[in-house]
């Protein structure tokens, strides 16, 4: 006879991963404030291999609208600048020979709405992942009943799974609400 935990624990793990992925994805959405995480996806050519900017330079945020990149090697200035220009950030960096500055422009109302819509779509994807994990666990439990698990144990496990599901749905809503507030704050 299968144990209830063999169905609930993997589902809960998938739900946790869905929330973590959502947080990571939303961190990369530019909200009009300087955030070094927007540079995470940008790779530069570093002696023949692609490396994240954070591996070849120091990244600081001196104020809410500026990111300052200080390359560790002078030869990296052009590479970093080229990578930022070619990325989908849509921002042109300033290079004064000492540091590379990225001024984050304030978002237009239209752009804010588009970012909220994009964030909502990401949150919806996370919700779908959580629902799928719950469905898989419940299907597994129903199969376990056929192979000898008592029905009342299965029903209790289903109720527990639903509580866990509701908890993760609430977390996703909270993460999305925080990002929406961040985007819409002028």
Protein backbone atom coordinates (compact mmCIF):
# COMPACT_ATOMS: atom_id res chain seq x y z
CA UNK A 1 0.00 0.00 0.00
CA UNK A 2 1.27 3.45 -0.94
CA UNK A 3 1.78 6.15 1.66
CA UNK A 4 -0.11 9.46 1.31
CA UNK A 5 3.19 11.39 1.53
CA UNK A 6 4.41 9.83 -1.73
CA UNK A 7 1.71 11.89 -3.50
CA UNK A 8 1.58 15.06 -1.43
CA UNK A 9 5.30 15.82 -1.03
CA UNK A 10 6.20 15.81 -4.77
CA UNK A 11 3.13 17.97 -5.48
CA UNK A 12 4.12 20.44 -2.78
CA UNK A 13 7.66 20.53 -4.15
CA UNK A 14 6.32 21.36 -7.64
CA UNK A 15 4.15 24.10 -6.16
CA UNK A 16 7.12 25.61 -4.32
CA UNK A 17 9.14 25.57 -7.53
CA UNK A 18 6.28 27.30 -9.40
CA UNK A 19 6.21 30.15 -6.85
CA UNK A 20 10.02 30.48 -6.88
CA UNK A 21 10.04 30.58 -10.68
CA UNK A 22 7.35 33.27 -10.65
CA UNK A 23 9.36 35.39 -8.19
CA UNK A 24 12.48 35.00 -10.33
CA UNK A 25 10.61 35.87 -13.54
CA UNK A 26 8.92 38.93 -12.03
CA UNK A 27 12.26 40.17 -10.69
CA UNK A 28 13.45 40.50 -14.29
CA UNK A 29 10.51 42.69 -15.32
CA UNK A 30 11.62 46.31 -15.26
CA UNK A 31 9.38 48.39 -13.04
CA UNK A 32 10.83 51.86 -13.62
CA UNK A 33 13.24 51.46 -10.71
CA UNK A 34 16.89 50.54 -10.95
CA UNK A 35 17.27 46.84 -10.19
CA UNK A 36 20.51 44.98 -10.99
CA UNK A 37 18.48 41.81 -11.69
CA UNK A 38 17.39 43.22 -15.07
CA UNK A 39 20.98 42.60 -16.21
CA UNK A 40 20.97 38.91 -15.17
CA UNK A 41 19.91 37.61 -18.57
CA UNK A 42 22.55 39.60 -20.48
CA UNK A 43 25.71 37.68 -21.38
CA UNK A 44 29.02 39.17 -22.52
CA UNK A 45 31.83 37.54 -24.46
CA UNK A 46 34.58 36.91 -21.90
CA UNK A 47 37.63 35.28 -23.49
CA UNK A 48 35.52 33.19 -25.84
CA UNK A 49 32.73 32.16 -23.45
CA UNK A 50 29.43 33.83 -22.60
CA UNK A 51 29.41 35.13 -19.01
CA UNK A 52 26.81 37.17 -17.09
CA UNK A 53 27.73 40.83 -16.57
CA UNK A 54 27.90 40.23 -12.80
CA UNK A 55 30.82 37.81 -13.41
CA UNK A 56 32.97 40.43 -15.16
CA UNK A 57 31.99 43.65 -13.39
CA UNK A 58 30.74 45.17 -10.16
CA UNK A 59 27.10 46.28 -10.37
CA UNK A 60 25.78 48.94 -7.97
CA UNK A 61 22.59 50.98 -7.66
CA UNK A 62 23.51 54.45 -6.33
CA UNK A 63 19.95 55.78 -6.62
CA UNK A 64 16.45 54.68 -7.67
CA UNK A 65 16.99 55.49 -11.36
CA UNK A 66 20.63 54.54 -12.03
CA UNK A 67 22.64 51.33 -12.34
CA UNK A 68 26.43 51.67 -12.35
CA UNK A 69 28.60 48.93 -13.83
CA UNK A 70 32.32 48.94 -13.03
CA UNK A 71 34.13 46.38 -15.21
CA UNK A 72 37.11 44.63 -13.62
CA UNK A 73 39.08 44.84 -16.85
CA UNK A 74 39.27 47.86 -19.19
CA UNK A 75 38.83 45.53 -22.20
CA UNK A 76 35.32 44.63 -21.00
CA UNK A 77 33.87 48.16 -21.42
CA UNK A 78 33.04 47.71 -25.10
CA UNK A 79 31.80 44.12 -24.61
CA UNK A 80 29.43 45.08 -21.77
CA UNK A 81 28.18 48.14 -23.64
CA UNK A 82 27.56 46.10 -26.81
CA UNK A 83 25.71 43.37 -24.86
CA UNK A 84 23.41 45.92 -23.17
CA UNK A 85 22.65 47.69 -26.45
CA UNK A 86 21.90 44.35 -28.19
CA UNK A 87 19.67 43.12 -25.33
CA UNK A 88 15.91 43.67 -25.21
CA UNK A 89 16.25 46.17 -22.34
CA UNK A 90 15.83 49.08 -24.74
CA UNK A 91 18.24 51.28 -22.79
CA UNK A 92 21.42 52.89 -24.08
CA UNK A 93 24.29 52.82 -21.57
CA UNK A 94 26.62 55.79 -20.93
CA UNK A 95 30.36 55.08 -20.81
CA UNK A 96 32.72 57.66 -19.33
CA UNK A 97 35.83 55.47 -19.37
CA UNK A 98 35.61 54.76 -15.64
CA UNK A 99 32.12 53.25 -15.29
CA UNK A 100 29.12 52.39 -17.42
CA UNK A 101 25.92 54.13 -16.28
CA UNK A 102 22.44 52.98 -17.15
CA UNK A 103 19.75 55.56 -16.53
CA UNK A 104 16.38 53.88 -16.04
CA UNK A 105 13.74 56.08 -17.70
CA UNK A 106 10.38 56.50 -15.98
CA UNK A 107 7.71 54.25 -17.45
CA UNK A 108 4.81 55.59 -19.47
CA UNK A 109 1.27 54.70 -18.37
CA UNK A 110 0.89 52.48 -21.43
CA UNK A 111 4.14 50.63 -20.65
CA UNK A 112 3.08 50.16 -17.01
CA UNK A 113 -0.18 48.54 -18.12
CA UNK A 114 1.70 46.25 -20.51
CA UNK A 115 4.09 45.21 -17.71
CA UNK A 116 1.17 44.50 -15.35
CA UNK A 117 -0.43 42.40 -18.08
CA UNK A 118 2.84 40.51 -18.60
CA UNK A 119 3.18 39.96 -14.84
CA UNK A 120 -0.41 38.72 -14.64
CA UNK A 121 0.29 36.21 -17.44
CA UNK A 122 3.34 34.94 -15.53
CA UNK A 123 1.24 34.61 -12.36
CA UNK A 124 -1.39 32.69 -14.31
CA UNK A 125 1.28 30.28 -15.58
CA UNK A 126 2.38 29.68 -11.98
CA UNK A 127 -1.24 29.02 -10.98
CA UNK A 128 -1.59 26.49 -13.79
CA UNK A 129 1.53 24.70 -12.56
CA UNK A 130 0.13 24.57 -9.03
CA UNK A 131 -3.22 23.25 -10.28
CA UNK A 132 -1.46 20.59 -12.34
CA UNK A 133 0.56 19.45 -9.34
CA UNK A 134 -2.65 19.16 -7.29
CA UNK A 135 -4.39 17.26 -10.07
CA UNK A 136 -1.49 14.81 -10.41
CA UNK A 137 -1.46 14.18 -6.66
CA UNK A 138 -5.22 13.59 -6.53
CA UNK A 139 -5.09 11.24 -9.53
CA UNK A 140 -2.31 9.31 -7.79
CA UNK A 141 -4.39 9.07 -4.63
CA UNK A 142 -7.42 7.78 -6.56
CA UNK A 143 -5.24 5.09 -8.15
CA UNK A 144 -3.90 4.20 -4.70
CA UNK A 145 -7.50 3.55 -3.52
CA UNK A 146 -7.79 0.94 -6.27
CA UNK A 147 -4.63 -0.72 -5.01
CA UNK A 148 -5.77 -0.92 -1.39
CA UNK A 149 -5.64 2.54 0.24
CA UNK A 150 -8.70 3.15 2.45
CA UNK A 151 -11.11 5.72 0.95
CA UNK A 152 -11.29 7.84 4.11
CA UNK A 153 -7.47 8.17 4.09
CA UNK A 154 -7.66 9.22 0.44
CA UNK A 155 -10.38 11.80 1.17
CA UNK A 156 -8.35 13.25 4.08
CA UNK A 157 -5.27 13.44 1.84
CA UNK A 158 -7.33 15.13 -0.88
CA UNK A 159 -8.54 17.72 1.64
CA UNK A 160 -4.97 18.29 2.81
CA UNK A 161 -3.83 18.65 -0.81
CA UNK A 162 -6.58 21.23 -1.40
CA UNK A 163 -5.41 23.25 1.64
CA UNK A 164 -1.82 23.19 0.38
CA UNK A 165 -3.06 24.21 -3.09
CA UNK A 166 -5.05 27.13 -1.65
CA UNK A 167 -1.98 28.25 0.31
CA UNK A 168 0.19 28.36 -2.80
CA UNK A 169 -2.51 30.14 -4.81
CA UNK A 170 -2.60 32.80 -2.08
CA UNK A 171 1.22 33.13 -2.24
CA UNK A 172 1.07 33.61 -6.02
CA UNK A 173 -1.59 36.31 -5.60
CA UNK A 174 0.58 38.08 -2.98
CA UNK A 175 3.68 37.96 -5.20
CA UNK A 176 1.71 39.31 -8.17
CA UNK A 177 0.03 42.04 -6.06
CA UNK A 178 3.43 43.21 -4.79
CA UNK A 179 4.83 43.36 -8.33
CA UNK A 180 1.72 45.14 -9.63
CA UNK A 181 2.05 47.74 -6.86
CA UNK A 182 5.76 48.17 -7.68
CA UNK A 183 5.01 48.67 -11.40
CA UNK A 184 2.12 51.09 -10.87
CA UNK A 185 3.91 53.21 -8.26
CA UNK A 186 5.09 56.36 -9.98
